[in-house]
Amino acid sequence: MPTEVLVMCKRCGRPQQAGAGRCAVCGGELPDAPLPHPVGVTSTERFLSAELPGGRVLAGEGNRLSYRPGPSATPFLLELPGLRRLSLVHRPRYEALALTAAAVVLLPFVSRQGPRVLLGLLALVGLALAFFVRRYTLVLESTGQVETRWELGTVRRGSSQEQRLRSVWRTLADVVHSRGVKVSEPPV
């Protein structure tokens, strides 16, 4: 089964199937992206190029995967032949619950109505952030049980950014799975 390769539209940033020529959403011209070669064939052709939330960049070329955690950061490189397992981990932003906890702790010490309402709203904001926002992390296990974690970003559930991130994951998972790497993702 051929691997689906996605490219990101330079105009609107939405993922599109490679070879389509023009973006289905905005009509912008799409960059070229050749399909990856089968297992064992070396190449320097790019099979993945994705800009992620927070200025992060994930790219795959030939037998190499690179990750840049920020706009001015040095990229991390990983050779695909040494990769044994690839996982996508997503979880709620539990850190946001600190807002809720702080508001609940301070609430008994405030006697005026205005600040009490403000603390109640702060508690609700913390709960909403924990429920509606997800943090995505790519976990790579290399030869020798070495585990590396690449933070892909924090996105709102159901947003176009989350859909784009998940389509990038599917492309990467298909490519590395076709090369014999175990791929796993917990249920959504």
Protein backbone atom coordinates (compact mmCIF):
# COMPACT_ATOMS: atom_id res chain seq x y z
CA MET A 1 0.00 0.00 0.00
CA PRO A 2 1.54 3.37 -0.95
CA THR A 3 2.26 5.88 1.76
CA GLU A 4 0.23 9.08 1.75
CA VAL A 5 2.54 12.08 1.78
CA LEU A 6 1.23 15.44 2.94
CA VAL A 7 2.68 18.87 2.27
CA MET A 8 1.76 22.10 3.99
CA CYS A 9 0.27 24.88 1.91
CA LYS A 10 2.59 27.88 2.06
CA ARG A 11 -0.33 30.30 1.92
CA CYS A 12 -2.83 28.91 4.48
CA GLY A 13 -0.72 26.28 6.28
CA ARG A 14 -3.20 23.44 5.87
CA PRO A 15 -1.97 19.92 5.06
CA GLN A 16 -2.72 18.69 1.56
CA GLN A 17 -1.97 15.48 -0.28
CA ALA A 18 1.29 15.73 -2.21
CA GLY A 19 0.99 16.01 -5.97
CA ALA A 20 -2.32 17.86 -5.90
CA GLY A 21 -0.69 20.96 -7.42
CA ARG A 22 -2.99 23.50 -5.76
CA CYS A 23 -4.40 23.78 -2.24
CA ALA A 24 -8.01 22.58 -2.01
CA VAL A 25 -8.79 25.29 0.56
CA CYS A 26 -7.16 28.51 -0.68
CA GLY A 27 -5.95 27.59 -4.19
CA GLY A 28 -2.30 28.36 -3.38
CA GLU A 29 0.46 26.45 -5.17
CA LEU A 30 1.73 23.44 -3.20
CA PRO A 31 5.42 22.50 -2.92
CA ASP A 32 6.63 19.28 -4.56
CA ALA A 33 7.09 16.26 -2.29
CA PRO A 34 8.14 12.93 -3.81
CA LEU A 35 7.04 9.67 -2.20
CA PRO A 36 9.56 7.93 0.06
CA HIS A 37 11.46 4.95 -1.30
CA PRO A 38 10.70 1.43 -0.07
CA VAL A 39 12.61 -0.15 2.83
CA GLY A 40 16.33 -0.47 2.22
CA VAL A 41 16.55 2.18 -0.49
CA THR A 42 18.59 5.21 0.49
CA SER A 43 17.59 8.59 -0.74
CA THR A 44 17.83 12.23 0.20
CA GLU A 45 14.26 12.95 -0.89
CA ARG A 46 12.00 14.69 1.62
CA PHE A 47 8.94 12.75 2.82
CA LEU A 48 7.76 15.10 5.55
CA SER A 49 7.99 18.81 6.21
CA ALA A 50 5.72 20.33 8.83
CA GLU A 51 5.64 23.55 10.78
CA LEU A 52 4.05 22.91 14.16
CA PRO A 53 2.71 25.18 16.93
CA GLY A 54 5.31 27.30 18.71
CA GLY A 55 7.68 27.52 15.74
CA ARG A 56 8.59 23.84 15.94
CA VAL A 57 9.54 22.04 12.73
CA LEU A 58 9.44 18.30 12.04
CA ALA A 59 11.03 17.08 8.82
CA GLY A 60 11.92 13.75 7.27
CA GLU A 61 14.41 13.31 4.49
CA GLY A 62 15.84 10.03 3.23
CA ASN A 63 16.69 7.94 6.29
CA ARG A 64 16.75 10.87 8.68
CA LEU A 65 14.19 12.61 10.84
CA SER A 66 14.87 16.09 12.21
CA TYR A 67 13.11 18.14 14.86
CA ARG A 68 13.68 21.80 15.63
CA PRO A 69 12.02 22.83 18.92
CA GLY A 70 11.96 26.55 18.13
CA PRO A 71 12.64 29.12 15.41
CA SER A 72 16.27 29.73 16.42
CA ALA A 73 17.04 26.32 17.94
CA THR A 74 19.48 23.78 16.54
CA PRO A 75 17.65 20.78 15.07
CA PHE A 76 17.88 17.32 16.61
CA LEU A 77 18.57 14.52 14.12
CA LEU A 78 17.57 10.87 14.29
CA GLU A 79 18.58 8.16 11.84
CA LEU A 80 15.50 6.08 10.95
CA PRO A 81 17.37 2.74 10.68
CA GLY A 82 18.14 3.03 14.43
CA LEU A 83 14.50 3.73 15.35
CA ARG A 84 12.69 0.81 17.02
CA ARG A 85 9.42 2.34 18.24
CA LEU A 86 7.48 5.54 17.59
CA SER A 87 4.59 6.72 19.76
CA LEU A 88 2.37 9.77 19.90
CA VAL A 89 1.36 10.77 23.42
CA HIS A 90 -1.33 13.33 24.10
CA ARG A 91 -2.62 14.50 27.45
CA PRO A 92 -4.59 17.38 28.94
CA ARG A 93 -2.77 20.45 30.26
CA TYR A 94 -2.81 19.45 33.92
CA GLU A 95 -0.66 22.49 34.72
CA ALA A 96 -3.75 24.66 34.13
CA LEU A 97 -5.33 23.09 37.20
CA ALA A 98 -2.86 25.10 39.29
CA LEU A 99 -5.03 28.16 38.52
CA THR A 100 -8.07 26.34 39.86
CA ALA A 101 -6.23 25.14 42.96
CA ALA A 102 -4.86 28.62 43.72
CA ALA A 103 -8.30 30.19 43.35
CA VAL A 104 -9.95 27.58 45.57
CA VAL A 105 -7.27 27.99 48.27
CA LEU A 106 -7.58 31.80 48.25
CA LEU A 107 -11.41 31.90 48.12
CA PRO A 108 -12.04 31.48 51.91
CA PHE A 109 -9.65 34.37 52.70
CA VAL A 110 -11.45 36.93 50.49
CA SER A 111 -14.47 38.65 52.01
CA ARG A 112 -15.50 41.06 49.23
CA GLN A 113 -17.85 39.96 46.50
CA GLY A 114 -15.85 41.37 43.53
CA PRO A 115 -12.60 39.49 44.24
CA ARG A 116 -14.56 36.32 45.06
CA VAL A 117 -16.22 36.43 41.63
CA LEU A 118 -12.83 37.01 40.02
CA LEU A 119 -11.34 34.01 41.83
CA GLY A 120 -14.31 31.88 40.77
CA LEU A 121 -13.77 32.89 37.15
CA LEU A 122 -10.06 32.09 37.48
CA ALA A 123 -10.95 28.62 38.79
CA LEU A 124 -13.27 28.07 35.81
CA VAL A 125 -10.58 29.21 33.35
CA GLY A 126 -8.15 26.68 34.84
CA LEU A 127 -10.71 23.88 34.46
CA ALA A 128 -11.52 24.92 30.88
CA LEU A 129 -7.84 24.98 29.89
CA ALA A 130 -7.28 21.54 31.40
CA PHE A 131 -10.30 20.13 29.56
CA PHE A 132 -10.04 21.84 26.15
CA VAL A 133 -6.28 21.92 25.54
CA ARG A 134 -3.98 18.98 24.76
CA ARG A 135 -0.21 18.63 24.78
CA TYR A 136 1.25 16.36 22.08
CA THR A 137 4.62 14.64 22.42
CA LEU A 138 6.41 12.34 19.99
CA VAL A 139 8.24 9.51 21.79
CA LEU A 140 11.04 7.84 19.84
CA GLU A 141 12.76 4.69 21.10
CA SER A 142 16.09 3.99 19.42
CA THR A 143 18.47 1.06 19.48
CA GLY A 144 19.62 0.28 23.02
CA GLN A 145 16.30 1.32 24.63
CA VAL A 146 17.19 5.02 24.38
CA GLU A 147 13.99 7.09 24.63
CA THR A 148 13.74 10.61 23.21
CA ARG A 149 10.76 12.93 23.60
CA TRP A 150 10.00 15.68 21.11
CA GLU A 151 7.33 18.19 22.20
CA LEU A 152 5.06 18.79 19.19
CA GLY A 153 2.95 21.50 20.78
CA THR A 154 -0.10 22.40 22.79
CA VAL A 155 -3.30 22.80 20.82
CA ARG A 156 -7.01 23.26 21.47
CA ARG A 157 -9.06 20.08 21.08
CA GLY A 158 -10.84 19.91 17.73
CA SER A 159 -8.97 22.90 16.28
CA SER A 160 -7.46 23.07 12.81
CA GLN A 161 -4.02 23.00 14.46
CA GLU A 162 -4.87 19.70 16.12
CA GLN A 163 -6.13 18.28 12.83
CA ARG A 164 -2.94 19.41 11.07
CA LEU A 165 -0.79 17.91 13.83
CA ARG A 166 -2.65 14.61 13.62
CA SER A 167 -2.31 14.48 9.82
CA VAL A 168 1.45 15.04 10.19
CA TRP A 169 1.48 12.18 12.72
CA ARG A 170 -0.38 9.87 10.33
CA THR A 171 2.09 10.62 7.52
CA LEU A 172 5.09 10.03 9.77
CA ALA A 173 3.55 6.88 11.26
CA ASP A 174 2.86 5.43 7.78
CA VAL A 175 6.40 6.13 6.58
CA VAL A 176 8.19 4.65 9.59
CA HIS A 177 5.76 1.71 9.80
CA SER A 178 6.57 0.86 6.18
CA ARG A 179 10.22 0.70 7.29
CA GLY A 180 9.48 -1.86 10.00
CA VAL A 181 9.20 0.45 13.02
CA LYS A 182 6.55 -0.30 15.66
CA VAL A 183 4.05 2.55 15.83
CA SER A 184 1.58 3.16 18.65
CA GLU A 185 -0.84 5.83 19.76
CA PRO A 186 -3.21 5.75 22.74
CA PRO A 187 -6.92 6.18 21.95
CA VAL A 188 -8.12 9.75 21.47
